[in-house]
Amino acid sequence: MDTTQLGTFEHDRTIIDKYVKSSAFGKNKLVYFPLIIAIGLLCFIALAIFEGMVEAIGIGVISVLSAIVVLCFVWVVVINRSAYKKLNEETTMAPVCIAKKVYGNDGNNVYYCIYSTGQTRHDSFFIDTIAQRIFAISANTNDKIEKEVLNLFKIDFAKPGEFAKQLPLAFTDGVEVWRRQFALGNLPKNAQQQIEDNDGQFAVVTILPENARILTEQFS
């Protein structure tokens, strides 16, 4: 992978603005409070409608709950907009990291991938080395660190929207390496083929390390 090109992407203001916007959600954890309330109330209202409970509960109560749902979503927008504005002001570059497919499901094209941040973010040899260490772990290992790593790559992994988790530093020579799921099947076929041709490597933007985004510009 062309590290010079990766460096160019990192300082492209258009890319910075684009990925700040997509990375900002969840930066302020307060956003989950109104979001959870809204989703919970929506599920309750839907259940009441489909189960014919509206008359028993009362149309007035349903109306009030619906209003609360709207207010909660407005609150989510306000919090997220504030987080975006702050993150945009603080961000002067968009760190681009080389990621690599490790384990996944070829049926739905959701994969566990790893990427490192900091000085090793453009080091394809390093990320390959960490991947090989993961592949070499025995399923019957008794090593505490290796068990912790295997747990990060367990089979029930179909959660491509969850935030990344960091591998134990003792396993990665003290370098921050993150594991995140990506729905690579959502990419165009030519992009998926490029990843295969590049030995499972591709680039991600890590304005927030735990919320990496696939750098779609790399496939153009």
N, C-alpha and C. Protein backbone atom coordinates (compact mmCIF):
# COMPACT_ATOMS: atom_id res chain seq x y z
N MET A 1 0.85 -1.20 0.00
CA MET A 1 0.00 0.00 0.00
C MET A 1 0.88 1.24 0.00
N ASP A 2 0.54 2.23 -0.79
CA ASP A 2 1.34 3.44 -0.97
C ASP A 2 1.22 4.34 0.26
N THR A 3 2.26 4.37 1.11
CA THR A 3 2.22 5.16 2.33
C THR A 3 2.24 6.66 2.04
N THR A 4 2.84 7.04 0.91
CA THR A 4 2.82 8.46 0.53
C THR A 4 1.40 8.92 0.26
N GLN A 5 0.64 8.07 -0.41
CA GLN A 5 -0.75 8.40 -0.68
C GLN A 5 -1.56 8.47 0.61
N LEU A 6 -1.26 7.57 1.55
CA LEU A 6 -1.97 7.59 2.83
C LEU A 6 -1.70 8.91 3.56
N GLY A 7 -0.46 9.36 3.52
CA GLY A 7 -0.12 10.63 4.14
C GLY A 7 -0.83 11.81 3.50
N THR A 8 -1.01 11.74 2.18
CA THR A 8 -1.74 12.79 1.47
C THR A 8 -3.20 12.82 1.90
N PHE A 9 -3.81 11.64 2.02
CA PHE A 9 -5.19 11.56 2.47
C PHE A 9 -5.36 12.19 3.86
N GLU A 10 -4.39 11.98 4.72
CA GLU A 10 -4.49 12.45 6.11
C GLU A 10 -4.64 13.96 6.22
N HIS A 11 -4.09 14.68 5.26
CA HIS A 11 -4.09 16.14 5.34
C HIS A 11 -5.03 16.79 4.32
N ASP A 12 -5.85 15.99 3.68
CA ASP A 12 -6.84 16.51 2.73
C ASP A 12 -8.04 17.02 3.52
N ARG A 13 -8.30 18.32 3.46
CA ARG A 13 -9.36 18.93 4.29
C ARG A 13 -10.74 18.36 3.95
N THR A 14 -10.94 18.01 2.68
CA THR A 14 -12.22 17.43 2.29
C THR A 14 -12.45 16.10 3.01
N ILE A 15 -11.41 15.29 3.07
CA ILE A 15 -11.50 14.00 3.76
C ILE A 15 -11.65 14.20 5.26
N ILE A 16 -10.92 15.16 5.81
CA ILE A 16 -11.02 15.45 7.25
C ILE A 16 -12.45 15.80 7.61
N ASP A 17 -13.04 16.73 6.85
CA ASP A 17 -14.41 17.17 7.14
C ASP A 17 -15.40 16.01 7.02
N LYS A 18 -15.23 15.20 5.98
CA LYS A 18 -16.15 14.08 5.74
C LYS A 18 -16.10 13.07 6.89
N TYR A 19 -14.92 12.71 7.32
CA TYR A 19 -14.81 11.65 8.32
C TYR A 19 -14.99 12.15 9.75
N VAL A 20 -14.78 13.43 9.97
CA VAL A 20 -15.15 13.99 11.27
C VAL A 20 -16.65 13.84 11.46
N LYS A 21 -17.40 14.15 10.43
CA LYS A 21 -18.85 14.08 10.51
C LYS A 21 -19.33 12.67 10.79
N SER A 22 -18.73 11.68 10.12
CA SER A 22 -19.18 10.29 10.30
C SER A 22 -18.63 9.66 11.56
N SER A 23 -17.58 10.26 12.14
CA SER A 23 -16.97 9.69 13.34
C SER A 23 -17.51 10.29 14.64
N ALA A 24 -18.20 11.42 14.52
CA ALA A 24 -18.58 12.18 15.72
C ALA A 24 -19.63 11.49 16.58
N PHE A 25 -20.52 10.70 15.95
CA PHE A 25 -21.59 10.09 16.73
C PHE A 25 -21.02 9.17 17.79
N GLY A 26 -21.45 9.37 19.02
CA GLY A 26 -20.99 8.54 20.12
C GLY A 26 -19.81 9.11 20.89
N LYS A 27 -19.20 10.19 20.36
CA LYS A 27 -18.07 10.79 21.08
C LYS A 27 -18.52 11.29 22.44
N ASN A 28 -19.70 11.95 22.47
CA ASN A 28 -20.30 12.35 23.74
C ASN A 28 -21.26 11.23 24.15
N LYS A 29 -20.86 10.45 25.17
CA LYS A 29 -21.64 9.27 25.56
C LYS A 29 -23.03 9.64 26.08
N LEU A 30 -23.25 10.91 26.40
CA LEU A 30 -24.57 11.35 26.86
C LEU A 30 -25.63 11.12 25.80
N VAL A 31 -25.22 11.02 24.53
CA VAL A 31 -26.17 10.85 23.44
C VAL A 31 -26.96 9.55 23.56
N TYR A 32 -26.39 8.56 24.23
CA TYR A 32 -27.07 7.27 24.34
C TYR A 32 -28.26 7.30 25.29
N PHE A 33 -28.27 8.24 26.23
CA PHE A 33 -29.37 8.31 27.20
C PHE A 33 -30.70 8.61 26.51
N PRO A 34 -30.82 9.72 25.77
CA PRO A 34 -32.09 9.97 25.07
C PRO A 34 -32.36 8.96 23.96
N LEU A 35 -31.30 8.44 23.35
CA LEU A 35 -31.49 7.48 22.26
C LEU A 35 -32.13 6.19 22.78
N ILE A 36 -31.64 5.71 23.91
CA ILE A 36 -32.19 4.48 24.49
C ILE A 36 -33.64 4.69 24.93
N ILE A 37 -33.90 5.86 25.53
CA ILE A 37 -35.27 6.16 25.94
C ILE A 37 -36.21 6.18 24.74
N ALA A 38 -35.78 6.86 23.66
CA ALA A 38 -36.61 6.96 22.46
C ALA A 38 -36.89 5.60 21.85
N ILE A 39 -35.86 4.77 21.74
CA ILE A 39 -36.04 3.44 21.14
C ILE A 39 -36.96 2.59 22.02
N GLY A 40 -36.76 2.67 23.34
CA GLY A 40 -37.60 1.90 24.25
C GLY A 40 -39.07 2.30 24.14
N LEU A 41 -39.32 3.61 24.10
CA LEU A 41 -40.70 4.09 24.00
C LEU A 41 -41.31 3.74 22.65
N LEU A 42 -40.51 3.81 21.58
CA LEU A 42 -41.01 3.43 20.26
C LEU A 42 -41.44 1.97 20.22
N CYS A 43 -40.63 1.12 20.84
CA CYS A 43 -40.98 -0.31 20.90
C CYS A 43 -42.27 -0.52 21.68
N PHE A 44 -42.41 0.22 22.78
CA PHE A 44 -43.63 0.10 23.60
C PHE A 44 -44.86 0.57 22.82
N ILE A 45 -44.73 1.71 22.13
CA ILE A 45 -45.85 2.24 21.34
C ILE A 45 -46.24 1.28 20.22
N ALA A 46 -45.24 0.74 19.54
CA ALA A 46 -45.50 -0.21 18.46
C ALA A 46 -46.21 -1.45 18.99
N LEU A 47 -45.75 -1.94 20.13
CA LEU A 47 -46.38 -3.11 20.75
C LEU A 47 -47.83 -2.81 21.10
N ALA A 48 -48.06 -1.61 21.67
CA ALA A 48 -49.42 -1.23 22.07
C ALA A 48 -50.35 -1.16 20.86
N ILE A 49 -49.84 -0.65 19.75
CA ILE A 49 -50.67 -0.52 18.54
C ILE A 49 -50.98 -1.90 17.94
N PHE A 50 -49.96 -2.72 17.79
CA PHE A 50 -50.15 -4.01 17.14
C PHE A 50 -50.89 -5.02 18.02
N GLU A 51 -50.85 -4.82 19.33
CA GLU A 51 -51.54 -5.74 20.24
C GLU A 51 -52.92 -5.22 20.64
N GLY A 52 -53.33 -4.09 20.04
CA GLY A 52 -54.65 -3.54 20.33
C GLY A 52 -54.81 -3.02 21.76
N MET A 53 -53.73 -2.45 22.32
CA MET A 53 -53.75 -1.99 23.71
C MET A 53 -53.96 -0.48 23.82
N VAL A 54 -54.11 0.18 22.67
CA VAL A 54 -54.21 1.64 22.69
C VAL A 54 -55.40 2.11 23.51
N GLU A 55 -56.53 1.47 23.33
CA GLU A 55 -57.74 1.88 24.05
C GLU A 55 -57.57 1.69 25.55
N ALA A 56 -56.91 0.61 25.95
CA ALA A 56 -56.71 0.35 27.37
C ALA A 56 -55.73 1.35 27.98
N ILE A 57 -54.69 1.67 27.24
CA ILE A 57 -53.68 2.60 27.76
C ILE A 57 -54.19 4.04 27.70
N GLY A 58 -54.89 4.33 26.63
CA GLY A 58 -55.42 5.69 26.48
C GLY A 58 -54.66 6.44 25.40
N ILE A 59 -55.41 7.07 24.49
CA ILE A 59 -54.79 7.81 23.40
C ILE A 59 -53.97 8.98 23.92
N GLY A 60 -54.39 9.53 25.06
CA GLY A 60 -53.65 10.65 25.65
C GLY A 60 -52.26 10.24 26.08
N VAL A 61 -52.15 9.06 26.70
CA VAL A 61 -50.84 8.55 27.13
C VAL A 61 -49.95 8.27 25.92
N ILE A 62 -50.55 7.66 24.90
CA ILE A 62 -49.78 7.37 23.68
C ILE A 62 -49.26 8.65 23.05
N SER A 63 -50.10 9.70 23.06
CA SER A 63 -49.69 10.98 22.49
C SER A 63 -48.53 11.59 23.27
N VAL A 64 -48.61 11.51 24.59
CA VAL A 64 -47.54 12.05 25.44
C VAL A 64 -46.24 11.29 25.20
N LEU A 65 -46.33 9.96 25.14
CA LEU A 65 -45.14 9.14 24.90
C LEU A 65 -44.54 9.44 23.53
N SER A 66 -45.40 9.66 22.55
CA SER A 66 -44.92 10.00 21.20
C SER A 66 -44.18 11.33 21.20
N ALA A 67 -44.70 12.28 21.96
CA ALA A 67 -44.05 13.59 22.07
C ALA A 67 -42.68 13.46 22.73
N ILE A 68 -42.60 12.60 23.74
CA ILE A 68 -41.32 12.37 24.43
C ILE A 68 -40.30 11.76 23.46
N VAL A 69 -40.78 10.84 22.61
CA VAL A 69 -39.90 10.23 21.61
C VAL A 69 -39.32 11.30 20.69
N VAL A 70 -40.17 12.20 20.22
CA VAL A 70 -39.71 13.27 19.33
C VAL A 70 -38.68 14.15 20.04
N LEU A 71 -38.97 14.51 21.28
CA LEU A 71 -38.04 15.36 22.04
C LEU A 71 -36.70 14.66 22.25
N CYS A 72 -36.75 13.35 22.50
CA CYS A 72 -35.51 12.60 22.70
C CYS A 72 -34.65 12.59 21.44
N PHE A 73 -35.29 12.42 20.29
CA PHE A 73 -34.54 12.43 19.03
C PHE A 73 -33.98 13.83 18.73
N VAL A 74 -34.73 14.86 19.09
CA VAL A 74 -34.22 16.23 18.93
C VAL A 74 -32.99 16.42 19.83
N TRP A 75 -33.07 15.89 21.04
CA TRP A 75 -31.95 15.96 21.99
C TRP A 75 -30.73 15.25 21.42
N VAL A 76 -30.94 14.08 20.80
CA VAL A 76 -29.84 13.34 20.18
C VAL A 76 -29.17 14.19 19.11
N VAL A 77 -29.97 14.83 18.28
CA VAL A 77 -29.43 15.67 17.19
C VAL A 77 -28.61 16.82 17.76
N VAL A 78 -29.13 17.45 18.81
CA VAL A 78 -28.43 18.60 19.42
C VAL A 78 -27.08 18.16 20.00
N ILE A 79 -27.09 17.04 20.74
CA ILE A 79 -25.86 16.54 21.36
C ILE A 79 -24.84 16.16 20.28
N ASN A 80 -25.31 15.46 19.25
CA ASN A 80 -24.41 15.01 18.20
C ASN A 80 -23.84 16.18 17.41
N ARG A 81 -24.65 17.20 17.17
CA ARG A 81 -24.19 18.38 16.43
C ARG A 81 -23.12 19.11 17.22
N SER A 82 -23.31 19.19 18.54
CA SER A 82 -22.32 19.83 19.40
C SER A 82 -21.01 19.05 19.41
N ALA A 83 -21.12 17.71 19.47
CA ALA A 83 -19.93 16.87 19.46
C ALA A 83 -19.18 17.01 18.14
N TYR A 84 -19.93 17.08 17.03
CA TYR A 84 -19.32 17.24 15.71
C TYR A 84 -18.58 18.57 15.61
N LYS A 85 -19.22 19.63 16.08
CA LYS A 85 -18.61 20.95 16.01
C LYS A 85 -17.30 21.00 16.78
N LYS A 86 -17.31 20.41 17.98
CA LYS A 86 -16.11 20.41 18.81
C LYS A 86 -15.01 19.56 18.18
N LEU A 87 -15.38 18.36 17.69
CA LEU A 87 -14.39 17.48 17.08
C LEU A 87 -13.81 18.09 15.82
N ASN A 88 -14.63 18.78 15.04
CA ASN A 88 -14.17 19.41 13.80
C ASN A 88 -13.16 20.51 14.10
N GLU A 89 -13.39 21.26 15.17
CA GLU A 89 -12.48 22.33 15.56
C GLU A 89 -11.14 21.77 16.05
N GLU A 90 -11.19 20.59 16.68
CA GLU A 90 -9.98 20.00 17.26
C GLU A 90 -9.16 19.21 16.25
N THR A 91 -9.77 18.82 15.14
CA THR A 91 -9.12 17.90 14.20
C THR A 91 -8.38 18.65 13.10
N THR A 92 -7.07 18.44 13.02
CA THR A 92 -6.26 19.07 11.99
C THR A 92 -5.75 18.05 10.98
N MET A 93 -5.93 16.77 11.27
CA MET A 93 -5.57 15.72 10.34
C MET A 93 -6.47 14.51 10.58
N ALA A 94 -6.59 13.68 9.57
CA ALA A 94 -7.40 12.46 9.69
C ALA A 94 -6.46 11.26 9.62
N PRO A 95 -6.03 10.72 10.76
CA PRO A 95 -5.09 9.60 10.74
C PRO A 95 -5.62 8.44 9.90
N VAL A 96 -4.82 8.00 8.95
CA VAL A 96 -5.19 6.87 8.10
C VAL A 96 -4.32 5.68 8.49
N CYS A 97 -4.96 4.55 8.76
CA CYS A 97 -4.25 3.36 9.24
C CYS A 97 -4.48 2.20 8.28
N ILE A 98 -3.47 1.35 8.17
CA ILE A 98 -3.63 0.12 7.39
C ILE A 98 -4.33 -0.91 8.26
N ALA A 99 -5.46 -1.40 7.78
CA ALA A 99 -6.22 -2.44 8.48
C ALA A 99 -6.06 -3.76 7.73
N LYS A 100 -6.35 -4.86 8.44
CA LYS A 100 -6.23 -6.17 7.82
C LYS A 100 -7.36 -7.09 8.29
N LYS A 101 -7.93 -7.84 7.35
CA LYS A 101 -8.93 -8.85 7.69
C LYS A 101 -8.26 -9.97 8.49
N VAL A 102 -8.93 -10.41 9.55
CA VAL A 102 -8.39 -11.51 10.34
C VAL A 102 -9.33 -12.72 10.27
N TYR A 103 -10.48 -12.58 10.90
CA TYR A 103 -11.48 -13.65 10.84
C TYR A 103 -12.80 -13.06 10.38
N GLY A 104 -13.64 -13.88 9.75
CA GLY A 104 -14.91 -13.34 9.32
C GLY A 104 -15.85 -14.38 8.75
N ASN A 105 -16.94 -13.88 8.24
CA ASN A 105 -17.98 -14.71 7.66
C ASN A 105 -18.07 -14.38 6.17
N ASP A 106 -17.66 -15.32 5.33
CA ASP A 106 -17.67 -15.07 3.89
C ASP A 106 -19.09 -15.01 3.34
N GLY A 107 -20.07 -15.52 4.11
CA GLY A 107 -21.45 -15.51 3.66
C GLY A 107 -22.05 -14.12 3.67
N ASN A 108 -21.91 -13.42 4.83
CA ASN A 108 -22.46 -12.07 4.91
C ASN A 108 -21.38 -10.99 4.80
N ASN A 109 -20.12 -11.43 4.60
CA ASN A 109 -19.01 -10.49 4.39
C ASN A 109 -18.82 -9.51 5.54
N VAL A 110 -18.98 -10.00 6.76
CA VAL A 110 -18.65 -9.22 7.94
C VAL A 110 -17.37 -9.81 8.52
N TYR A 111 -16.38 -8.95 8.77
CA TYR A 111 -15.08 -9.46 9.17
C TYR A 111 -14.52 -8.71 10.39
N TYR A 112 -13.83 -9.47 11.23
CA TYR A 112 -13.00 -8.88 12.26
C TYR A 112 -11.74 -8.38 11.56
N CYS A 113 -11.40 -7.12 11.77
CA CYS A 113 -10.19 -6.56 11.19
C CYS A 113 -9.39 -5.88 12.29
N ILE A 114 -8.11 -5.74 12.08
CA ILE A 114 -7.26 -5.08 13.06
C ILE A 114 -6.53 -3.92 12.39
N TYR A 115 -6.19 -2.92 13.19
CA TYR A 115 -5.40 -1.79 12.71
C TYR A 115 -4.66 -1.20 13.89
N SER A 116 -3.50 -0.65 13.62
CA SER A 116 -2.72 -0.01 14.68
C SER A 116 -2.75 1.50 14.48
N THR A 117 -2.55 2.21 15.55
CA THR A 117 -2.53 3.68 15.48
C THR A 117 -1.14 4.19 15.85
N GLY A 118 -0.96 5.47 15.79
CA GLY A 118 0.34 6.04 16.14
C GLY A 118 1.36 5.83 15.04
N GLN A 119 2.62 5.63 15.41
CA GLN A 119 3.71 5.56 14.45
C GLN A 119 3.64 4.33 13.55
N THR A 120 2.93 3.30 13.97
CA THR A 120 2.86 2.07 13.17
C THR A 120 1.66 2.02 12.24
N ARG A 121 0.91 3.10 12.14
CA ARG A 121 -0.35 3.04 11.41
C ARG A 121 -0.19 2.76 9.92
N HIS A 122 0.99 3.09 9.34
CA HIS A 122 1.23 2.84 7.92
C HIS A 122 2.11 1.61 7.70
N ASP A 123 2.38 0.87 8.75
CA ASP A 123 3.32 -0.26 8.69
C ASP A 123 2.57 -1.55 8.37
N SER A 124 2.53 -1.92 7.10
CA SER A 124 1.81 -3.12 6.70
C SER A 124 2.47 -4.38 7.24
N PHE A 125 3.80 -4.36 7.37
CA PHE A 125 4.51 -5.53 7.91
C PHE A 125 4.12 -5.76 9.37
N PHE A 126 4.01 -4.68 10.14
CA PHE A 126 3.65 -4.81 11.55
C PHE A 126 2.26 -5.39 11.71
N ILE A 127 1.30 -4.88 10.95
CA ILE A 127 -0.08 -5.36 11.11
C ILE A 127 -0.19 -6.81 10.64
N ASP A 128 0.61 -7.20 9.64
CA ASP A 128 0.65 -8.59 9.22
C ASP A 128 1.22 -9.48 10.33
N THR A 129 2.24 -8.97 11.01
CA THR A 129 2.87 -9.72 12.09
C THR A 129 1.87 -9.99 13.22
N ILE A 130 1.09 -8.98 13.59
CA ILE A 130 0.08 -9.15 14.64
C ILE A 130 -0.98 -10.15 14.20
N ALA A 131 -1.38 -10.08 12.94
CA ALA A 131 -2.37 -11.02 12.42
C ALA A 131 -1.84 -12.45 12.50
N GLN A 132 -0.59 -12.65 12.15
CA GLN A 132 0.00 -13.98 12.21
C GLN A 132 0.07 -14.50 13.63
N ARG A 133 0.32 -13.62 14.58
CA ARG A 133 0.32 -14.02 16.00
C ARG A 133 -1.06 -14.50 16.42
N ILE A 134 -2.08 -13.80 15.92
CA ILE A 134 -3.47 -14.19 16.26
C ILE A 134 -3.77 -15.56 15.66
N PHE A 135 -3.39 -15.76 14.39
CA PHE A 135 -3.64 -17.04 13.72
C PHE A 135 -2.92 -18.19 14.43
N ALA A 136 -1.79 -17.89 15.06
CA ALA A 136 -0.97 -18.93 15.67
C ALA A 136 -1.47 -19.38 17.05
N ILE A 137 -2.44 -18.67 17.62
CA ILE A 137 -2.93 -19.02 18.95
C ILE A 137 -3.74 -20.32 18.87
N SER A 138 -3.41 -21.26 19.73
CA SER A 138 -4.14 -22.52 19.78
C SER A 138 -5.50 -22.32 20.44
N ALA A 139 -6.49 -23.01 19.93
CA ALA A 139 -7.84 -22.92 20.52
C ALA A 139 -7.85 -23.43 21.95
N ASN A 140 -6.86 -24.26 22.31
CA ASN A 140 -6.79 -24.84 23.65
C ASN A 140 -5.73 -24.17 24.53
N THR A 141 -5.33 -22.97 24.16
CA THR A 141 -4.29 -22.29 24.92
C THR A 141 -4.68 -22.06 26.37
N ASN A 142 -3.69 -22.12 27.23
CA ASN A 142 -3.90 -21.84 28.66
C ASN A 142 -3.33 -20.48 29.05
N ASP A 143 -2.75 -19.80 28.06
CA ASP A 143 -2.16 -18.49 28.32
C ASP A 143 -3.27 -17.45 28.50
N LYS A 144 -3.19 -16.68 29.59
CA LYS A 144 -4.24 -15.71 29.91
C LYS A 144 -4.39 -14.65 28.83
N ILE A 145 -3.27 -14.12 28.34
CA ILE A 145 -3.32 -13.07 27.32
C ILE A 145 -3.88 -13.62 26.01
N GLU A 146 -3.44 -14.83 25.64
CA GLU A 146 -3.94 -15.42 24.40
C GLU A 146 -5.44 -15.70 24.48
N LYS A 147 -5.91 -16.13 25.64
CA LYS A 147 -7.34 -16.36 25.82
C LYS A 147 -8.12 -15.05 25.66
N GLU A 148 -7.55 -13.98 26.19
CA GLU A 148 -8.19 -12.67 26.06
C GLU A 148 -8.29 -12.25 24.60
N VAL A 149 -7.23 -12.54 23.84
CA VAL A 149 -7.24 -12.21 22.41
C VAL A 149 -8.28 -13.05 21.67
N LEU A 150 -8.31 -14.35 21.94
CA LEU A 150 -9.28 -15.22 21.28
C LEU A 150 -10.71 -14.79 21.56
N ASN A 151 -10.94 -14.32 22.77
CA ASN A 151 -12.28 -13.87 23.13
C ASN A 151 -12.72 -12.67 22.28
N LEU A 152 -11.76 -11.86 21.85
CA LEU A 152 -12.07 -10.71 21.00
C LEU A 152 -12.47 -11.14 19.59
N PHE A 153 -12.13 -12.38 19.23
CA PHE A 153 -12.40 -12.86 17.88
C PHE A 153 -13.35 -14.06 17.88
N LYS A 154 -14.19 -14.13 18.90
CA LYS A 154 -15.12 -15.27 18.99
C LYS A 154 -16.14 -15.22 17.85
N ILE A 155 -16.74 -16.36 17.60
CA ILE A 155 -17.57 -16.54 16.40
C ILE A 155 -18.81 -15.65 16.37
N ASP A 156 -19.45 -15.43 17.52
CA ASP A 156 -20.70 -14.64 17.51
C ASP A 156 -20.39 -13.15 17.38
N PHE A 157 -19.98 -12.78 16.17
CA PHE A 157 -19.41 -11.44 15.98
C PHE A 157 -20.19 -10.53 15.06
N ALA A 158 -21.38 -10.87 14.68
CA ALA A 158 -22.10 -10.06 13.70
C ALA A 158 -22.61 -8.75 14.28
N LYS A 159 -21.69 -7.86 14.65
CA LYS A 159 -22.02 -6.56 15.21
C LYS A 159 -21.14 -5.49 14.56
N PRO A 160 -21.26 -5.29 13.25
CA PRO A 160 -20.36 -4.35 12.57
C PRO A 160 -20.47 -2.91 13.01
N GLY A 161 -21.50 -2.56 13.78
CA GLY A 161 -21.62 -1.17 14.21
C GLY A 161 -20.99 -0.88 15.56
N GLU A 162 -20.54 -1.91 16.27
CA GLU A 162 -20.01 -1.68 17.61
C GLU A 162 -18.64 -1.01 17.56
N PHE A 163 -18.30 -0.31 18.63
CA PHE A 163 -17.00 0.35 18.71
C PHE A 163 -15.89 -0.69 18.80
N ALA A 164 -14.71 -0.31 18.33
CA ALA A 164 -13.56 -1.21 18.36
C ALA A 164 -13.10 -1.47 19.79
N LYS A 165 -12.44 -2.61 19.94
CA LYS A 165 -11.83 -2.96 21.23
C LYS A 165 -10.34 -3.14 21.03
N GLN A 166 -9.58 -2.76 22.04
CA GLN A 166 -8.13 -2.79 21.92
C GLN A 166 -7.56 -4.14 22.34
N LEU A 167 -6.61 -4.64 21.57
CA LEU A 167 -5.93 -5.87 21.93
C LEU A 167 -5.01 -5.61 23.13
N PRO A 168 -4.73 -6.63 23.94
CA PRO A 168 -3.84 -6.44 25.09
C PRO A 168 -2.47 -5.93 24.63
N LEU A 169 -1.97 -4.92 25.31
CA LEU A 169 -0.68 -4.33 24.93
C LEU A 169 0.46 -5.34 25.06
N ALA A 170 0.30 -6.29 25.99
CA ALA A 170 1.33 -7.32 26.16
C ALA A 170 1.42 -8.22 24.94
N PHE A 171 0.37 -8.27 24.15
CA PHE A 171 0.34 -9.11 22.95
C PHE A 171 0.86 -8.37 21.74
N THR A 172 0.83 -7.03 21.79
CA THR A 172 1.17 -6.22 20.61
C THR A 172 2.45 -5.40 20.80
N ASP A 173 3.31 -5.84 21.71
CA ASP A 173 4.58 -5.15 21.96
C ASP A 173 4.38 -3.70 22.41
N GLY A 174 3.29 -3.47 23.13
CA GLY A 174 3.04 -2.14 23.67
C GLY A 174 2.44 -1.16 22.69
N VAL A 175 2.11 -1.61 21.48
CA VAL A 175 1.53 -0.75 20.45
C VAL A 175 0.01 -0.87 20.49
N GLU A 176 -0.69 0.25 20.34
CA GLU A 176 -2.15 0.21 20.32
C GLU A 176 -2.63 -0.44 19.03
N VAL A 177 -3.27 -1.58 19.17
CA VAL A 177 -3.87 -2.28 18.04
C VAL A 177 -5.33 -2.52 18.38
N TRP A 178 -6.19 -2.17 17.45
CA TRP A 178 -7.63 -2.25 17.68
C TRP A 178 -8.26 -3.33 16.82
N ARG A 179 -9.31 -3.92 17.34
CA ARG A 179 -10.11 -4.90 16.61
C ARG A 179 -11.50 -4.34 16.40
N ARG A 180 -11.92 -4.29 15.14
CA ARG A 180 -13.27 -3.82 14.85
C ARG A 180 -13.88 -4.64 13.72
N GLN A 181 -15.18 -4.75 13.74
CA GLN A 181 -15.88 -5.46 12.67
C GLN A 181 -16.27 -4.49 11.56
N PHE A 182 -16.10 -4.95 10.33
CA PHE A 182 -16.49 -4.14 9.18
C PHE A 182 -17.34 -5.00 8.24
N ALA A 183 -18.42 -4.42 7.76
CA ALA A 183 -19.27 -5.09 6.78
C ALA A 183 -18.69 -4.82 5.40
N LEU A 184 -17.67 -5.56 5.03
CA LEU A 184 -16.99 -5.33 3.75
C LEU A 184 -17.89 -5.66 2.57
N GLY A 185 -18.93 -6.45 2.81
CA GLY A 185 -19.86 -6.78 1.76
C GLY A 185 -20.66 -5.60 1.27
N ASN A 186 -20.67 -4.51 2.05
CA ASN A 186 -21.38 -3.30 1.63
C ASN A 186 -20.57 -2.48 0.63
N LEU A 187 -19.31 -2.84 0.47
CA LEU A 187 -18.46 -2.12 -0.49
C LEU A 187 -18.75 -2.60 -1.91
N PRO A 188 -18.48 -1.76 -2.91
CA PRO A 188 -18.62 -2.21 -4.31
C PRO A 188 -17.73 -3.43 -4.57
N LYS A 189 -18.12 -4.23 -5.53
CA LYS A 189 -17.39 -5.46 -5.84
C LYS A 189 -15.93 -5.20 -6.18
N ASN A 190 -15.67 -4.11 -6.91
CA ASN A 190 -14.29 -3.82 -7.27
C ASN A 190 -13.45 -3.48 -6.04
N ALA A 191 -14.07 -2.83 -5.05
CA ALA A 191 -13.36 -2.51 -3.81
C ALA A 191 -13.05 -3.79 -3.03
N GLN A 192 -14.02 -4.70 -2.97
CA GLN A 192 -13.79 -5.97 -2.29
C GLN A 192 -12.67 -6.75 -2.96
N GLN A 193 -12.62 -6.69 -4.28
CA GLN A 193 -11.57 -7.39 -5.01
C GLN A 193 -10.20 -6.76 -4.74
N GLN A 194 -10.16 -5.43 -4.64
CA GLN A 194 -8.90 -4.76 -4.32
C GLN A 194 -8.36 -5.20 -2.97
N ILE A 195 -9.27 -5.36 -2.00
CA ILE A 195 -8.85 -5.82 -0.67
C ILE A 195 -8.28 -7.23 -0.75
N GLU A 196 -8.94 -8.11 -1.51
CA GLU A 196 -8.45 -9.47 -1.67
C GLU A 196 -7.08 -9.46 -2.35
N ASP A 197 -6.93 -8.65 -3.38
CA ASP A 197 -5.67 -8.58 -4.12
C ASP A 197 -4.54 -8.02 -3.26
N ASN A 198 -4.91 -7.26 -2.22
CA ASN A 198 -3.92 -6.64 -1.34
C ASN A 198 -3.72 -7.44 -0.06
N ASP A 199 -3.96 -8.76 -0.15
CA ASP A 199 -3.76 -9.66 0.98
C ASP A 199 -4.61 -9.28 2.19
N GLY A 200 -5.84 -8.82 1.91
CA GLY A 200 -6.76 -8.51 2.99
C GLY A 200 -6.53 -7.18 3.67
N GLN A 201 -5.66 -6.36 3.12
CA GLN A 201 -5.36 -5.05 3.71
C GLN A 201 -6.15 -3.95 3.02
N PHE A 202 -6.50 -2.94 3.80
CA PHE A 202 -7.19 -1.76 3.28
C PHE A 202 -6.97 -0.63 4.28
N ALA A 203 -7.38 0.57 3.94
CA ALA A 203 -7.12 1.73 4.80
C ALA A 203 -8.39 2.17 5.53
N VAL A 204 -8.21 2.59 6.78
CA VAL A 204 -9.32 3.13 7.57
C VAL A 204 -8.90 4.48 8.15
N VAL A 205 -9.88 5.32 8.39
CA VAL A 205 -9.65 6.63 9.01
C VAL A 205 -9.97 6.51 10.49
N THR A 206 -9.04 6.97 11.34
CA THR A 206 -9.23 6.80 12.79
C THR A 206 -9.18 8.15 13.51
N ILE A 207 -10.08 9.04 13.13
CA ILE A 207 -10.18 10.29 13.87
C ILE A 207 -10.50 9.98 15.33
N LEU A 208 -11.34 8.98 15.54
CA LEU A 208 -11.52 8.36 16.85
C LEU A 208 -11.09 6.91 16.69
N PRO A 209 -10.05 6.45 17.38
CA PRO A 209 -9.52 5.10 17.17
C PRO A 209 -10.56 3.99 17.31
N GLU A 210 -11.51 4.19 18.23
CA GLU A 210 -12.51 3.15 18.46
C GLU A 210 -13.66 3.20 17.46
N ASN A 211 -13.67 4.22 16.59
CA ASN A 211 -14.76 4.38 15.63
C ASN A 211 -14.18 4.57 14.23
N ALA A 212 -13.31 3.64 13.84
CA ALA A 212 -12.65 3.73 12.53
C ALA A 212 -13.67 3.59 11.40
N ARG A 213 -13.37 4.28 10.30
CA ARG A 213 -14.22 4.25 9.11
C ARG A 213 -13.39 3.84 7.90
N ILE A 214 -13.97 3.02 7.04
CA ILE A 214 -13.24 2.62 5.84
C ILE A 214 -13.03 3.85 4.95
N LEU A 215 -11.81 4.05 4.50
CA LEU A 215 -11.47 5.16 3.61
C LEU A 215 -11.89 4.79 2.19
N THR A 216 -13.07 5.19 1.79
CA THR A 216 -13.60 4.79 0.48
C THR A 216 -12.80 5.41 -0.67
N GLU A 217 -12.14 6.54 -0.41
CA GLU A 217 -11.37 7.22 -1.46
C GLU A 217 -10.20 6.36 -1.96
N GLN A 218 -9.76 5.39 -1.19
CA GLN A 218 -8.64 4.55 -1.60
C GLN A 218 -8.98 3.67 -2.80
N PHE A 219 -10.27 3.46 -3.05
CA PHE A 219 -10.69 2.56 -4.11
C PHE A 219 -10.97 3.28 -5.43
N SER A 220 -10.84 4.60 -5.43
CA SER A 220 -11.15 5.35 -6.65
C SER A 220 -9.95 5.43 -7.58
